[in-house]
Amino acid sequence: MTTTVPVGVGELAEIRAYCDFVGGAPAPVREELGIGVRGVGGSGVGSALAITASAEATNFFNRAGGFDAGRPIDEQVVAQVVDFFRARGVREGSFMVAPSLLPANWDSIAERFKLTEGTRFVKLGADVEVAARAAQAAKPLDPGLRVGRVEPDRAREWATVMMPTLGFATPAMVDVAQACVGRANWRQYAVCDGERIVGVGSVFVDGQCADMFGGATLGRWRGRGVQSALLAARVRGAREAGCRWIVAEAFAEGPGEHNSSLHNMMRAGFERLYDRVAWTWRP
């Protein structure tokens, strides 16, 4: 199987998901977390994007991405992003650039702006129809568990499972996630044990491409088919939305490490497209 997700399409869907997720929070929450969004490297709907959540403790949401051959990253673009990070009081920010899009002089650019190699991610992608067929063979949920769409009246509970489980302890981040439920271009799912939400996941629809977002399972319910069910539900959601492709990101495995999420997605019909370094900037 060969997945033909255009690099720029997948990268742009990812950064747009992040920007919409935090940028759509209520104004007081955006102010509390230092949230800002800026187009870089061009203008219009196709421009690459930079985002900040400068008061969020992990620095995870301080990033720039969405580059492709028509939105290349070069010294001028890096300077734009760094200026934006500085103005927003960012302590640490990342440049997410597919390896095939790094310019020939990237080493000198990285040296000038003191960018260092940070976390490594695996970019995955699939044709939606291929992933939908794979979803039919997904590991079944344990008896008593069920998967379905999240309605607005359960948004707070859903968000309270999502953000702390993913390692975001700032209470305002729960507000961010709650505000995303039911928003246009998003579909949120949950696995319930009885009436309790025990696993969560979202998919962001960006035209022909959908981006997997925020899968998390509470500890007691891991290994019971929860993430496989959520993956299958999100693929179906992308298919229903008319998407052609679906992409996802996972932490790359170091020596002796095992990332269950990565392997779950590969079993679900996703293909490893490339490994990508988060190039880290610090003031």
C-alpha atoms as a PDB file:
ATOM      1  CA  MET A   1       0.000   0.000   0.000  1.00  0.00           C
ATOM      2  CA  THR A   2       1.262   3.485  -0.840  1.00  0.00           C
ATOM      3  CA  THR A   3      -0.363   6.516   0.729  1.00  0.00           C
ATOM      4  CA  THR A   4      -0.263   9.594  -1.490  1.00  0.00           C
ATOM      5  CA  VAL A   5      -1.130  12.314   1.033  1.00  0.00           C
ATOM      6  CA  PRO A   6       0.588  15.456  -0.301  1.00  0.00           C
ATOM      7  CA  VAL A   7       3.131  16.592   2.273  1.00  0.00           C
ATOM      8  CA  GLY A   8       1.864  20.159   2.441  1.00  0.00           C
ATOM      9  CA  VAL A   9      -1.772  19.062   2.729  1.00  0.00           C
ATOM     10  CA  GLY A  10      -1.047  16.862   5.738  1.00  0.00           C
ATOM     11  CA  GLU A  11       1.176  19.447   7.410  1.00  0.00           C
ATOM     12  CA  LEU A  12      -1.372  22.217   6.947  1.00  0.00           C
ATOM     13  CA  ALA A  13      -4.235  20.105   8.301  1.00  0.00           C
ATOM     14  CA  GLU A  14      -2.182  19.441  11.426  1.00  0.00           C
ATOM     15  CA  ILE A  15      -1.288  23.058  12.224  1.00  0.00           C
ATOM     16  CA  ARG A  16      -4.811  24.245  11.401  1.00  0.00           C
ATOM     17  CA  ALA A  17      -6.161  21.714  13.902  1.00  0.00           C
ATOM     18  CA  TYR A  18      -3.882  23.064  16.622  1.00  0.00           C
ATOM     19  CA  CYS A  19      -4.675  26.670  15.769  1.00  0.00           C
ATOM     20  CA  ASP A  20      -8.417  26.080  15.745  1.00  0.00           C
ATOM     21  CA  PHE A  21      -8.291  24.035  18.948  1.00  0.00           C
ATOM     22  CA  VAL A  22      -6.662  26.734  21.075  1.00  0.00           C
ATOM     23  CA  GLY A  23      -7.541  29.788  18.991  1.00  0.00           C
ATOM     24  CA  GLY A  24     -11.254  29.101  19.303  1.00  0.00           C
ATOM     25  CA  ALA A  25     -11.223  29.243  23.105  1.00  0.00           C
ATOM     26  CA  PRO A  26     -13.212  32.007  24.835  1.00  0.00           C
ATOM     27  CA  ALA A  27     -11.415  35.372  24.972  1.00  0.00           C
ATOM     28  CA  PRO A  28     -10.674  35.271  28.748  1.00  0.00           C
ATOM     29  CA  VAL A  29      -9.099  31.824  28.346  1.00  0.00           C
ATOM     30  CA  ARG A  30      -7.007  32.983  25.393  1.00  0.00           C
ATOM     31  CA  GLU A  31      -5.764  35.914  27.450  1.00  0.00           C
ATOM     32  CA  GLU A  32      -4.969  33.717  30.458  1.00  0.00           C
ATOM     33  CA  LEU A  33      -2.973  31.244  28.368  1.00  0.00           C
ATOM     34  CA  GLY A  34      -1.261  33.778  26.108  1.00  0.00           C
ATOM     35  CA  ILE A  35      -2.862  32.319  22.983  1.00  0.00           C
ATOM     36  CA  GLY A  36      -2.082  33.947  19.662  1.00  0.00           C
ATOM     37  CA  VAL A  37      -2.189  32.867  16.001  1.00  0.00           C
ATOM     38  CA  ARG A  38      -0.339  34.391  13.053  1.00  0.00           C
ATOM     39  CA  GLY A  39       0.022  33.555   9.374  1.00  0.00           C
ATOM     40  CA  VAL A  40       3.648  33.381   8.226  1.00  0.00           C
ATOM     41  CA  GLY A  41       5.490  33.039   4.951  1.00  0.00           C
ATOM     42  CA  GLY A  42       2.725  34.489   2.848  1.00  0.00           C
ATOM     43  CA  SER A  43      -0.863  35.636   2.987  1.00  0.00           C
ATOM     44  CA  GLY A  44      -4.312  34.213   2.471  1.00  0.00           C
ATOM     45  CA  VAL A  45      -5.934  30.952   3.512  1.00  0.00           C
ATOM     46  CA  GLY A  46      -2.961  28.881   2.377  1.00  0.00           C
ATOM     47  CA  SER A  47      -0.309  30.543   4.486  1.00  0.00           C
ATOM     48  CA  ALA A  48       1.708  28.630   7.031  1.00  0.00           C
ATOM     49  CA  LEU A  49       0.821  29.340  10.649  1.00  0.00           C
ATOM     50  CA  ALA A  50       2.423  30.055  13.994  1.00  0.00           C
ATOM     51  CA  ILE A  51       0.621  29.683  17.292  1.00  0.00           C
ATOM     52  CA  THR A  52       1.398  30.414  20.930  1.00  0.00           C
ATOM     53  CA  ALA A  53       0.003  29.440  24.298  1.00  0.00           C
ATOM     54  CA  SER A  54       2.823  31.120  26.181  1.00  0.00           C
ATOM     55  CA  ALA A  55       1.403  30.656  29.688  1.00  0.00           C
ATOM     56  CA  GLU A  56       0.753  26.914  29.251  1.00  0.00           C
ATOM     57  CA  ALA A  57       3.406  25.078  31.248  1.00  0.00           C
ATOM     58  CA  THR A  58       4.484  22.419  28.737  1.00  0.00           C
ATOM     59  CA  ASN A  59       5.157  24.810  25.801  1.00  0.00           C
ATOM     60  CA  PHE A  60       3.588  22.147  23.567  1.00  0.00           C
ATOM     61  CA  PHE A  61       1.304  24.530  21.700  1.00  0.00           C
ATOM     62  CA  ASN A  62       4.017  27.068  20.815  1.00  0.00           C
ATOM     63  CA  ARG A  63       4.696  25.992  17.257  1.00  0.00           C
ATOM     64  CA  ALA A  64       4.874  26.888  13.594  1.00  0.00           C
ATOM     65  CA  GLY A  65       3.902  24.588  10.741  1.00  0.00           C
ATOM     66  CA  GLY A  66       1.941  24.128   7.549  1.00  0.00           C
ATOM     67  CA  PHE A  67       4.895  24.525   5.206  1.00  0.00           C
ATOM     68  CA  ASP A  68       5.049  23.046   1.707  1.00  0.00           C
ATOM     69  CA  ALA A  69       6.704  23.867  -1.603  1.00  0.00           C
ATOM     70  CA  GLY A  70       4.337  26.827  -2.001  1.00  0.00           C
ATOM     71  CA  ARG A  71       4.888  27.974   1.589  1.00  0.00           C
ATOM     72  CA  PRO A  72       8.628  27.282   2.000  1.00  0.00           C
ATOM     73  CA  ILE A  73      10.530  27.863   5.186  1.00  0.00           C
ATOM     74  CA  ASP A  74      13.555  30.088   4.840  1.00  0.00           C
ATOM     75  CA  GLU A  75      15.523  32.590   6.893  1.00  0.00           C
ATOM     76  CA  GLN A  76      12.877  35.294   6.539  1.00  0.00           C
ATOM     77  CA  VAL A  77      10.081  33.009   7.654  1.00  0.00           C
ATOM     78  CA  VAL A  78      12.071  31.767  10.655  1.00  0.00           C
ATOM     79  CA  ALA A  79      12.716  35.389  11.625  1.00  0.00           C
ATOM     80  CA  GLN A  80       8.974  36.133  11.414  1.00  0.00           C
ATOM     81  CA  VAL A  81       8.156  33.244  13.717  1.00  0.00           C
ATOM     82  CA  VAL A  82      10.934  34.049  16.192  1.00  0.00           C
ATOM     83  CA  ASP A  83       9.784  37.673  16.367  1.00  0.00           C
ATOM     84  CA  PHE A  84       6.232  36.453  17.006  1.00  0.00           C
ATOM     85  CA  PHE A  85       7.418  34.071  19.725  1.00  0.00           C
ATOM     86  CA  ARG A  86       9.414  36.846  21.410  1.00  0.00           C
ATOM     87  CA  ALA A  87       6.532  39.292  21.269  1.00  0.00           C
ATOM     88  CA  ARG A  88       4.219  36.719  22.855  1.00  0.00           C
ATOM     89  CA  GLY A  89       6.652  35.910  25.683  1.00  0.00           C
ATOM     90  CA  VAL A  90       7.272  32.331  24.588  1.00  0.00           C
ATOM     91  CA  ARG A  91       9.838  30.413  26.645  1.00  0.00           C
ATOM     92  CA  GLU A  92      10.186  27.620  24.091  1.00  0.00           C
ATOM     93  CA  GLY A  93       8.717  27.142  20.640  1.00  0.00           C
ATOM     94  CA  SER A  94       8.998  24.596  17.840  1.00  0.00           C
ATOM     95  CA  PHE A  95       9.242  24.581  14.065  1.00  0.00           C
ATOM     96  CA  MET A  96       7.416  21.591  12.581  1.00  0.00           C
ATOM     97  CA  VAL A  97       8.870  21.029   9.113  1.00  0.00           C
ATOM     98  CA  ALA A  98       8.719  17.847   7.045  1.00  0.00           C
ATOM     99  CA  PRO A  99      12.296  16.744   6.278  1.00  0.00           C
ATOM    100  CA  SER A 100      11.768  16.999   2.513  1.00  0.00           C
ATOM    101  CA  LEU A 101      10.896  20.690   2.949  1.00  0.00           C
ATOM    102  CA  LEU A 102      14.023  21.758   4.822  1.00  0.00           C
ATOM    103  CA  PRO A 103      16.105  24.069   2.594  1.00  0.00           C
ATOM    104  CA  ALA A 104      19.672  23.214   1.617  1.00  0.00           C
ATOM    105  CA  ASN A 105      21.012  25.876   3.980  1.00  0.00           C
ATOM    106  CA  TRP A 106      18.944  24.735   6.970  1.00  0.00           C
ATOM    107  CA  ASP A 107      22.028  24.032   9.099  1.00  0.00           C
ATOM    108  CA  SER A 108      23.148  27.650   8.831  1.00  0.00           C
ATOM    109  CA  ILE A 109      19.604  28.912   9.503  1.00  0.00           C
ATOM    110  CA  ALA A 110      19.358  26.699  12.579  1.00  0.00           C
ATOM    111  CA  GLU A 111      22.726  27.950  13.811  1.00  0.00           C
ATOM    112  CA  ARG A 112      21.801  31.601  13.315  1.00  0.00           C
ATOM    113  CA  PHE A 113      18.554  31.305  15.259  1.00  0.00           C
ATOM    114  CA  LYS A 114      19.919  28.792  17.790  1.00  0.00           C
ATOM    115  CA  LEU A 115      17.449  26.091  16.805  1.00  0.00           C
ATOM    116  CA  THR A 116      18.166  22.646  18.215  1.00  0.00           C
ATOM    117  CA  GLU A 117      16.727  19.221  17.468  1.00  0.00           C
ATOM    118  CA  GLY A 118      13.924  18.415  19.879  1.00  0.00           C
ATOM    119  CA  THR A 119      11.184  15.810  20.054  1.00  0.00           C
ATOM    120  CA  ARG A 120      10.863  13.423  17.117  1.00  0.00           C
ATOM    121  CA  PHE A 121       7.464  12.627  15.699  1.00  0.00           C
ATOM    122  CA  VAL A 122       6.203  10.096  13.189  1.00  0.00           C
ATOM    123  CA  LYS A 123       3.862  11.492  10.560  1.00  0.00           C
ATOM    124  CA  LEU A 124       1.293   8.923   9.481  1.00  0.00           C
ATOM    125  CA  GLY A 125      -1.300   8.996   6.758  1.00  0.00           C
ATOM    126  CA  ALA A 126      -3.894   6.900   5.034  1.00  0.00           C
ATOM    127  CA  ASP A 127      -6.374   6.958   2.229  1.00  0.00           C
ATOM    128  CA  VAL A 128      -9.717   7.232   4.032  1.00  0.00           C
ATOM    129  CA  GLU A 129     -11.218   4.304   2.137  1.00  0.00           C
ATOM    130  CA  VAL A 130      -8.236   2.096   2.997  1.00  0.00           C
ATOM    131  CA  ALA A 131      -8.419   3.097   6.659  1.00  0.00           C
ATOM    132  CA  ALA A 132     -12.187   2.534   6.702  1.00  0.00           C
ATOM    133  CA  ARG A 133     -11.697  -1.041   5.488  1.00  0.00           C
ATOM    134  CA  ALA A 134      -9.011  -1.623   8.109  1.00  0.00           C
ATOM    135  CA  ALA A 135     -11.361  -0.244  10.776  1.00  0.00           C
ATOM    136  CA  GLN A 136     -13.780  -3.076  10.103  1.00  0.00           C
ATOM    137  CA  ALA A 137     -11.168  -5.485  11.454  1.00  0.00           C
ATOM    138  CA  ALA A 138     -10.371  -3.369  14.524  1.00  0.00           C
ATOM    139  CA  LYS A 139     -10.037  -5.005  17.919  1.00  0.00           C
ATOM    140  CA  PRO A 140     -13.515  -5.118  19.465  1.00  0.00           C
ATOM    141  CA  LEU A 141     -14.308  -3.178  22.590  1.00  0.00           C
ATOM    142  CA  ASP A 142     -14.583  -5.155  25.784  1.00  0.00           C
ATOM    143  CA  PRO A 143     -18.169  -5.999  26.786  1.00  0.00           C
ATOM    144  CA  GLY A 144     -19.873  -3.105  28.543  1.00  0.00           C
ATOM    145  CA  LEU A 145     -17.935  -0.406  26.662  1.00  0.00           C
ATOM    146  CA  ARG A 146     -19.406   1.656  23.831  1.00  0.00           C
ATOM    147  CA  VAL A 147     -18.162   4.390  21.509  1.00  0.00           C
ATOM    148  CA  GLY A 148     -20.072   7.387  20.175  1.00  0.00           C
ATOM    149  CA  ARG A 149     -20.126  11.102  19.400  1.00  0.00           C
ATOM    150  CA  VAL A 150     -19.829  13.568  22.264  1.00  0.00           C
ATOM    151  CA  GLU A 151     -22.768  15.892  22.759  1.00  0.00           C
ATOM    152  CA  PRO A 152     -22.318  19.430  24.133  1.00  0.00           C
ATOM    153  CA  ASP A 153     -23.888  18.543  27.484  1.00  0.00           C
ATOM    154  CA  ARG A 154     -20.962  16.181  28.163  1.00  0.00           C
ATOM    155  CA  ALA A 155     -18.260  18.522  26.880  1.00  0.00           C
ATOM    156  CA  ARG A 156     -16.854  19.315  30.344  1.00  0.00           C
ATOM    157  CA  GLU A 157     -16.526  15.676  31.345  1.00  0.00           C
ATOM    158  CA  TRP A 158     -14.958  14.820  27.988  1.00  0.00           C
ATOM    159  CA  ALA A 159     -12.436  17.648  28.304  1.00  0.00           C
ATOM    160  CA  THR A 160     -11.606  16.688  31.887  1.00  0.00           C
ATOM    161  CA  VAL A 161     -10.654  13.204  30.698  1.00  0.00           C
ATOM    162  CA  MET A 162      -8.714  14.477  27.690  1.00  0.00           C
ATOM    163  CA  MET A 163      -6.371  17.172  28.950  1.00  0.00           C
ATOM    164  CA  PRO A 164      -4.983  15.762  32.242  1.00  0.00           C
ATOM    165  CA  THR A 165      -4.586  12.314  30.660  1.00  0.00           C
ATOM    166  CA  LEU A 166      -2.492  13.889  27.900  1.00  0.00           C
ATOM    167  CA  GLY A 167      -0.343  15.694  30.486  1.00  0.00           C
ATOM    168  CA  PHE A 168      -1.850  19.186  30.445  1.00  0.00           C
ATOM    169  CA  ALA A 169      -2.510  20.078  34.055  1.00  0.00           C
ATOM    170  CA  THR A 170      -3.332  23.779  33.586  1.00  0.00           C
ATOM    171  CA  PRO A 171      -7.055  24.061  34.433  1.00  0.00           C
ATOM    172  CA  ALA A 172      -7.616  26.541  31.627  1.00  0.00           C
ATOM    173  CA  MET A 173      -6.641  23.853  29.109  1.00  0.00           C
ATOM    174  CA  VAL A 174      -9.775  21.951  30.106  1.00  0.00           C
ATOM    175  CA  ASP A 175     -11.712  25.106  29.199  1.00  0.00           C
ATOM    176  CA  VAL A 176      -9.977  25.107  25.791  1.00  0.00           C
ATOM    177  CA  ALA A 177     -10.971  21.518  25.091  1.00  0.00           C
ATOM    178  CA  GLN A 178     -14.518  22.009  26.336  1.00  0.00           C
ATOM    179  CA  ALA A 179     -15.016  24.966  23.996  1.00  0.00           C
ATOM    180  CA  CYS A 180     -14.001  22.824  21.025  1.00  0.00           C
ATOM    181  CA  VAL A 181     -16.856  20.330  21.375  1.00  0.00           C
ATOM    182  CA  GLY A 182     -19.441  20.815  18.643  1.00  0.00           C
ATOM    183  CA  ARG A 183     -17.376  23.389  16.741  1.00  0.00           C
ATOM    184  CA  ALA A 184     -17.502  23.341  12.945  1.00  0.00           C
ATOM    185  CA  ASN A 185     -14.917  21.034  11.307  1.00  0.00           C
ATOM    186  CA  TRP A 186     -14.538  18.972  14.487  1.00  0.00           C
ATOM    187  CA  ARG A 187     -15.957  15.628  15.529  1.00  0.00           C
ATOM    188  CA  GLN A 188     -15.379  14.467  19.095  1.00  0.00           C
ATOM    189  CA  TYR A 189     -15.797  10.880  20.260  1.00  0.00           C
ATOM    190  CA  ALA A 190     -15.783   9.084  23.578  1.00  0.00           C
ATOM    191  CA  VAL A 191     -15.781   5.533  24.859  1.00  0.00           C
ATOM    192  CA  CYS A 192     -18.008   5.069  27.883  1.00  0.00           C
ATOM    193  CA  ASP A 193     -18.104   2.406  30.580  1.00  0.00           C
ATOM    194  CA  GLY A 194     -21.679   2.655  31.702  1.00  0.00           C
ATOM    195  CA  GLU A 195     -22.162   6.415  31.955  1.00  0.00           C
ATOM    196  CA  ARG A 196     -18.504   7.251  32.603  1.00  0.00           C
ATOM    197  CA  ILE A 197     -16.263   8.575  29.827  1.00  0.00           C
ATOM    198  CA  VAL A 198     -13.031   6.556  29.874  1.00  0.00           C
ATOM    199  CA  GLY A 199     -11.472   7.344  26.494  1.00  0.00           C
ATOM    200  CA  VAL A 200     -11.573  10.310  24.124  1.00  0.00           C
ATOM    201  CA  GLY A 201     -10.478  11.360  20.638  1.00  0.00           C
ATOM    202  CA  SER A 202     -11.184  13.977  17.988  1.00  0.00           C
ATOM    203  CA  VAL A 203     -10.831  14.423  14.263  1.00  0.00           C
ATOM    204  CA  PHE A 204     -10.420  17.799  12.542  1.00  0.00           C
ATOM    205  CA  VAL A 205     -11.710  18.125   8.982  1.00  0.00           C
ATOM    206  CA  ASP A 206      -9.687  20.386   6.684  1.00  0.00           C
ATOM    207  CA  GLY A 207     -11.151  20.080   3.217  1.00  0.00           C
ATOM    208  CA  GLN A 208      -9.967  16.821   1.649  1.00  0.00           C
ATOM    209  CA  CYS A 209      -7.753  15.963   4.627  1.00  0.00           C
ATOM    210  CA  ALA A 210      -8.645  15.118   8.220  1.00  0.00           C
ATOM    211  CA  ASP A 211      -6.278  15.205  11.190  1.00  0.00           C
ATOM    212  CA  MET A 212      -6.471  12.820  14.146  1.00  0.00           C
ATOM    213  CA  PHE A 213      -6.272  14.774  17.390  1.00  0.00           C
ATOM    214  CA  GLY A 214      -6.037  14.166  21.116  1.00  0.00           C
ATOM    215  CA  GLY A 215      -6.579  10.436  21.675  1.00  0.00           C
ATOM    216  CA  ALA A 216      -6.395   9.487  25.365  1.00  0.00           C
ATOM    217  CA  THR A 217      -7.561   6.616  27.594  1.00  0.00           C
ATOM    218  CA  LEU A 218      -7.777   6.476  31.373  1.00  0.00           C
ATOM    219  CA  GLY A 219      -5.310   4.007  32.861  1.00  0.00           C
ATOM    220  CA  ARG A 220      -7.717   1.301  34.068  1.00  0.00           C
ATOM    221  CA  TRP A 221      -9.255   0.992  30.614  1.00  0.00           C
ATOM    222  CA  ARG A 222      -6.103   0.655  28.528  1.00  0.00           C
ATOM    223  CA  GLY A 223      -5.672  -2.577  26.622  1.00  0.00           C
ATOM    224  CA  ARG A 224      -9.416  -3.038  26.231  1.00  0.00           C
ATOM    225  CA  GLY A 225      -9.849  -1.873  22.655  1.00  0.00           C
ATOM    226  CA  VAL A 226     -10.640   1.752  23.528  1.00  0.00           C
ATOM    227  CA  GLN A 227      -8.169   3.472  21.217  1.00  0.00           C
ATOM    228  CA  SER A 228      -8.852   1.057  18.366  1.00  0.00           C
ATOM    229  CA  ALA A 229     -12.562   1.877  18.643  1.00  0.00           C
ATOM    230  CA  LEU A 230     -11.840   5.611  18.727  1.00  0.00           C
ATOM    231  CA  LEU A 231      -9.552   5.344  15.706  1.00  0.00           C
ATOM    232  CA  ALA A 232     -12.240   3.490  13.758  1.00  0.00           C
ATOM    233  CA  ALA A 233     -14.920   6.010  14.768  1.00  0.00           C
ATOM    234  CA  ARG A 234     -12.765   8.953  13.684  1.00  0.00           C
ATOM    235  CA  VAL A 235     -11.958   7.354  10.341  1.00  0.00           C
ATOM    236  CA  ARG A 236     -15.669   6.852   9.748  1.00  0.00           C
ATOM    237  CA  GLY A 237     -16.256  10.480  10.698  1.00  0.00           C
ATOM    238  CA  ALA A 238     -13.650  11.659   8.194  1.00  0.00           C
ATOM    239  CA  ARG A 239     -15.202   9.484   5.515  1.00  0.00           C
ATOM    240  CA  GLU A 240     -18.680  10.844   6.238  1.00  0.00           C
ATOM    241  CA  ALA A 241     -17.252  14.375   5.967  1.00  0.00           C
ATOM    242  CA  GLY A 242     -16.045  13.604   2.443  1.00  0.00           C
ATOM    243  CA  CYS A 243     -12.314  13.533   3.211  1.00  0.00           C
ATOM    244  CA  ARG A 244      -9.917  11.781   0.855  1.00  0.00           C
ATOM    245  CA  TRP A 245      -7.013  11.426   3.306  1.00  0.00           C
ATOM    246  CA  ILE A 246      -6.458  11.273   7.017  1.00  0.00           C
ATOM    247  CA  VAL A 247      -3.227  12.043   8.865  1.00  0.00           C
ATOM    248  CA  ALA A 248      -1.939  11.649  12.378  1.00  0.00           C
ATOM    249  CA  GLU A 249       1.157  12.245  14.471  1.00  0.00           C
ATOM    250  CA  ALA A 250       2.763  10.090  17.138  1.00  0.00           C
ATOM    251  CA  PHE A 251       5.878  10.307  19.263  1.00  0.00           C
ATOM    252  CA  ALA A 252       8.752   8.418  17.657  1.00  0.00           C
ATOM    253  CA  GLU A 253      10.119   5.477  19.590  1.00  0.00           C
ATOM    254  CA  GLY A 254      13.592   5.689  21.063  1.00  0.00           C
ATOM    255  CA  PRO A 255      15.763   2.633  21.801  1.00  0.00           C
ATOM    256  CA  GLY A 256      13.825   0.202  23.969  1.00  0.00           C
ATOM    257  CA  GLU A 257      10.628   2.288  23.813  1.00  0.00           C
ATOM    258  CA  HIS A 258       7.189   1.199  22.656  1.00  0.00           C
ATOM    259  CA  ASN A 259       4.513   3.708  21.655  1.00  0.00           C
ATOM    260  CA  SER A 260       1.189   1.883  21.676  1.00  0.00           C
ATOM    261  CA  SER A 261      -0.553   4.752  19.883  1.00  0.00           C
ATOM    262  CA  LEU A 262       1.861   4.508  16.962  1.00  0.00           C
ATOM    263  CA  HIS A 263       1.309   0.776  16.555  1.00  0.00           C
ATOM    264  CA  ASN A 264      -2.453   1.091  17.004  1.00  0.00           C
ATOM    265  CA  MET A 265      -2.576   3.527  14.100  1.00  0.00           C
ATOM    266  CA  MET A 266      -0.435   1.361  11.848  1.00  0.00           C
ATOM    267  CA  ARG A 267      -2.737  -1.568  12.544  1.00  0.00           C
ATOM    268  CA  ALA A 268      -5.642   0.720  11.676  1.00  0.00           C
ATOM    269  CA  GLY A 269      -4.428   1.218   8.109  1.00  0.00           C
ATOM    270  CA  PHE A 270      -2.097   4.177   8.622  1.00  0.00           C
ATOM    271  CA  GLU A 271       1.279   4.241   6.910  1.00  0.00           C
ATOM    272  CA  ARG A 272       4.466   5.787   8.243  1.00  0.00           C
ATOM    273  CA  LEU A 273       5.080   8.720   5.884  1.00  0.00           C
ATOM    274  CA  TYR A 274       8.198  10.221   7.469  1.00  0.00           C
ATOM    275  CA  ASP A 275       9.830  11.057  10.780  1.00  0.00           C
ATOM    276  CA  ARG A 276       9.937  14.739  11.660  1.00  0.00           C
ATOM    277  CA  VAL A 277      12.052  16.654  14.144  1.00  0.00           C
ATOM    278  CA  ALA A 278      10.587  19.507  16.175  1.00  0.00           C
ATOM    279  CA  TRP A 279      13.252  22.199  15.809  1.00  0.00           C
ATOM    280  CA  THR A 280      13.282  23.991  19.152  1.00  0.00           C
ATOM    281  CA  TRP A 281      13.817  27.711  19.738  1.00  0.00           C
ATOM    282  CA  ARG A 282      14.513  29.301  23.109  1.00  0.00           C
ATOM    283  CA  PRO A 283      15.137  32.991  23.785  1.00  0.00           C
END
